[in-house]
Each structure stands twice: as C-alpha cells, then as structure tokens.
Amino acid sequence: MSDKTGGPAFPLDIPTLEQVYLGMTMLDYFAGQAMQLYPMLHDEAAAKCCYDRAAAMTKEREKRNDQTS
C-alpha cells in the first residue's frame, strides 16, 4: 500500500456503491492509540511524538502486508 496514511481505519464496503471511507485513517487511529501513552500531555510536542509513532506503525504494517502478499 503506497498511501502513507495506511488507508481507512474502518472502511465500509456497500455492494451497490464503490468502497466508502468514513472517519479516520489508520495513521490517525494509531496516533490516537499512542496518545494513551501521554494522558496528561496535550500539546504539540505530544501530538508530534504520537504521529511519529503512528507513522512508524503504519510503515511496519505496510512491510508486513507486503511480506504476506
């Protein structure tokens, strides 16, 4: 997957329509999960750290998906 956001976190596939993307990307989902590591920090530094961790998780996920394909 070449999308750096990891694609949609919760895609909705409706047979009569094309695939619909509602909500957040995997990158946003992982960043939100990483934010749990910093419950008292809600500043730009914490957000950057969480998105950096999320980007690393997305990159690792992409590598693992490529290995199983």
C-alpha atoms as a PDB file:
ATOM      1  CA  MET A   1       0.000   0.000   0.000  1.00  0.00           C
ATOM      2  CA  SER A   2       1.604   3.251  -1.085  1.00  0.00           C
ATOM      3  CA  ASP A   3      -0.755   5.539   0.872  1.00  0.00           C
ATOM      4  CA  LYS A   4       1.304   6.979   3.764  1.00  0.00           C
ATOM      5  CA  THR A   5      -1.810   7.229   5.921  1.00  0.00           C
ATOM      6  CA  GLY A   6      -2.325   3.467   5.824  1.00  0.00           C
ATOM      7  CA  GLY A   7      -5.739   3.829   4.244  1.00  0.00           C
ATOM      8  CA  PRO A   8      -9.033   3.956   6.099  1.00  0.00           C
ATOM      9  CA  ALA A   9      -9.244   2.621   9.637  1.00  0.00           C
ATOM     10  CA  PHE A  10     -12.829   1.410   9.258  1.00  0.00           C
ATOM     11  CA  PRO A  11     -13.765   1.078   5.566  1.00  0.00           C
ATOM     12  CA  LEU A  12     -17.372   0.410   4.715  1.00  0.00           C
ATOM     13  CA  ASP A  13     -17.987  -1.750   1.665  1.00  0.00           C
ATOM     14  CA  ILE A  14     -21.535  -1.410   0.341  1.00  0.00           C
ATOM     15  CA  PRO A  15     -22.222  -3.761  -2.596  1.00  0.00           C
ATOM     16  CA  THR A  16     -24.220  -1.205  -4.583  1.00  0.00           C
ATOM     17  CA  LEU A  17     -21.634   1.552  -4.186  1.00  0.00           C
ATOM     18  CA  GLU A  18     -17.911   1.924  -4.512  1.00  0.00           C
ATOM     19  CA  GLN A  19     -15.935   1.498  -1.310  1.00  0.00           C
ATOM     20  CA  VAL A  20     -16.808   4.317   1.084  1.00  0.00           C
ATOM     21  CA  TYR A  21     -14.317   5.791   3.552  1.00  0.00           C
ATOM     22  CA  LEU A  22     -15.833   7.254   6.681  1.00  0.00           C
ATOM     23  CA  GLY A  23     -13.869   8.606   9.575  1.00  0.00           C
ATOM     24  CA  MET A  24     -10.176   8.360  10.206  1.00  0.00           C
ATOM     25  CA  THR A  25      -7.162   6.834   8.530  1.00  0.00           C
ATOM     26  CA  MET A  26      -5.012   4.131  10.080  1.00  0.00           C
ATOM     27  CA  LEU A  27      -2.400   6.833  10.772  1.00  0.00           C
ATOM     28  CA  ASP A  28      -4.951   8.829  12.793  1.00  0.00           C
ATOM     29  CA  TYR A  29      -6.128   5.690  14.595  1.00  0.00           C
ATOM     30  CA  PHE A  30      -2.581   4.678  15.564  1.00  0.00           C
ATOM     31  CA  ALA A  31      -1.804   8.240  16.703  1.00  0.00           C
ATOM     32  CA  GLY A  32      -4.894   8.201  18.904  1.00  0.00           C
ATOM     33  CA  GLN A  33      -3.812   4.902  20.414  1.00  0.00           C
ATOM     34  CA  ALA A  34      -0.293   6.253  21.013  1.00  0.00           C
ATOM     35  CA  MET A  35      -1.805   9.308  22.769  1.00  0.00           C
ATOM     36  CA  GLN A  36      -2.810   6.956  25.584  1.00  0.00           C
ATOM     37  CA  LEU A  37       0.878   6.854  26.491  1.00  0.00           C
ATOM     38  CA  TYR A  38       0.701  10.572  27.280  1.00  0.00           C
ATOM     39  CA  PRO A  39      -2.581  11.050  29.191  1.00  0.00           C
ATOM     40  CA  MET A  40      -1.536  14.314  30.843  1.00  0.00           C
ATOM     41  CA  LEU A  41       0.115  15.890  27.803  1.00  0.00           C
ATOM     42  CA  HIS A  42      -1.985  17.547  25.143  1.00  0.00           C
ATOM     43  CA  ASP A  43       0.462  19.843  23.449  1.00  0.00           C
ATOM     44  CA  GLU A  44       2.096  19.984  20.043  1.00  0.00           C
ATOM     45  CA  ALA A  45       5.146  18.010  21.204  1.00  0.00           C
ATOM     46  CA  ALA A  46       2.969  15.128  22.415  1.00  0.00           C
ATOM     47  CA  ALA A  47       0.944  15.193  19.179  1.00  0.00           C
ATOM     48  CA  LYS A  48       4.127  15.142  17.070  1.00  0.00           C
ATOM     49  CA  CYS A  49       5.516  12.245  19.096  1.00  0.00           C
ATOM     50  CA  CYS A  50       2.259  10.295  18.698  1.00  0.00           C
ATOM     51  CA  TYR A  51       2.128  10.879  14.950  1.00  0.00           C
ATOM     52  CA  ASP A  52       5.801   9.873  14.657  1.00  0.00           C
ATOM     53  CA  ARG A  53       4.988   6.601  16.449  1.00  0.00           C
ATOM     54  CA  ALA A  54       1.896   6.166  14.285  1.00  0.00           C
ATOM     55  CA  ALA A  55       3.927   6.696  11.115  1.00  0.00           C
ATOM     56  CA  ALA A  56       6.372   4.014  12.275  1.00  0.00           C
ATOM     57  CA  MET A  57       3.488   1.619  12.982  1.00  0.00           C
ATOM     58  CA  THR A  58       1.945   2.350   9.571  1.00  0.00           C
ATOM     59  CA  LYS A  59       5.287   1.737   7.861  1.00  0.00           C
ATOM     60  CA  GLU A  60       5.800  -1.560   9.720  1.00  0.00           C
ATOM     61  CA  ARG A  61       2.230  -2.609   8.909  1.00  0.00           C
ATOM     62  CA  GLU A  62       2.878  -1.927   5.225  1.00  0.00           C
ATOM     63  CA  LYS A  63       6.064  -4.036   5.318  1.00  0.00           C
ATOM     64  CA  ARG A  64       4.244  -6.937   6.961  1.00  0.00           C
ATOM     65  CA  ASN A  65       1.380  -6.730   4.470  1.00  0.00           C
ATOM     66  CA  ASP A  66       3.899  -6.775   1.607  1.00  0.00           C
ATOM     67  CA  GLN A  67       5.504  -9.934   3.041  1.00  0.00           C
ATOM     68  CA  THR A  68       2.192 -11.793   3.192  1.00  0.00           C
ATOM     69  CA  SER A  69       1.105 -10.762  -0.315  1.00  0.00           C
END
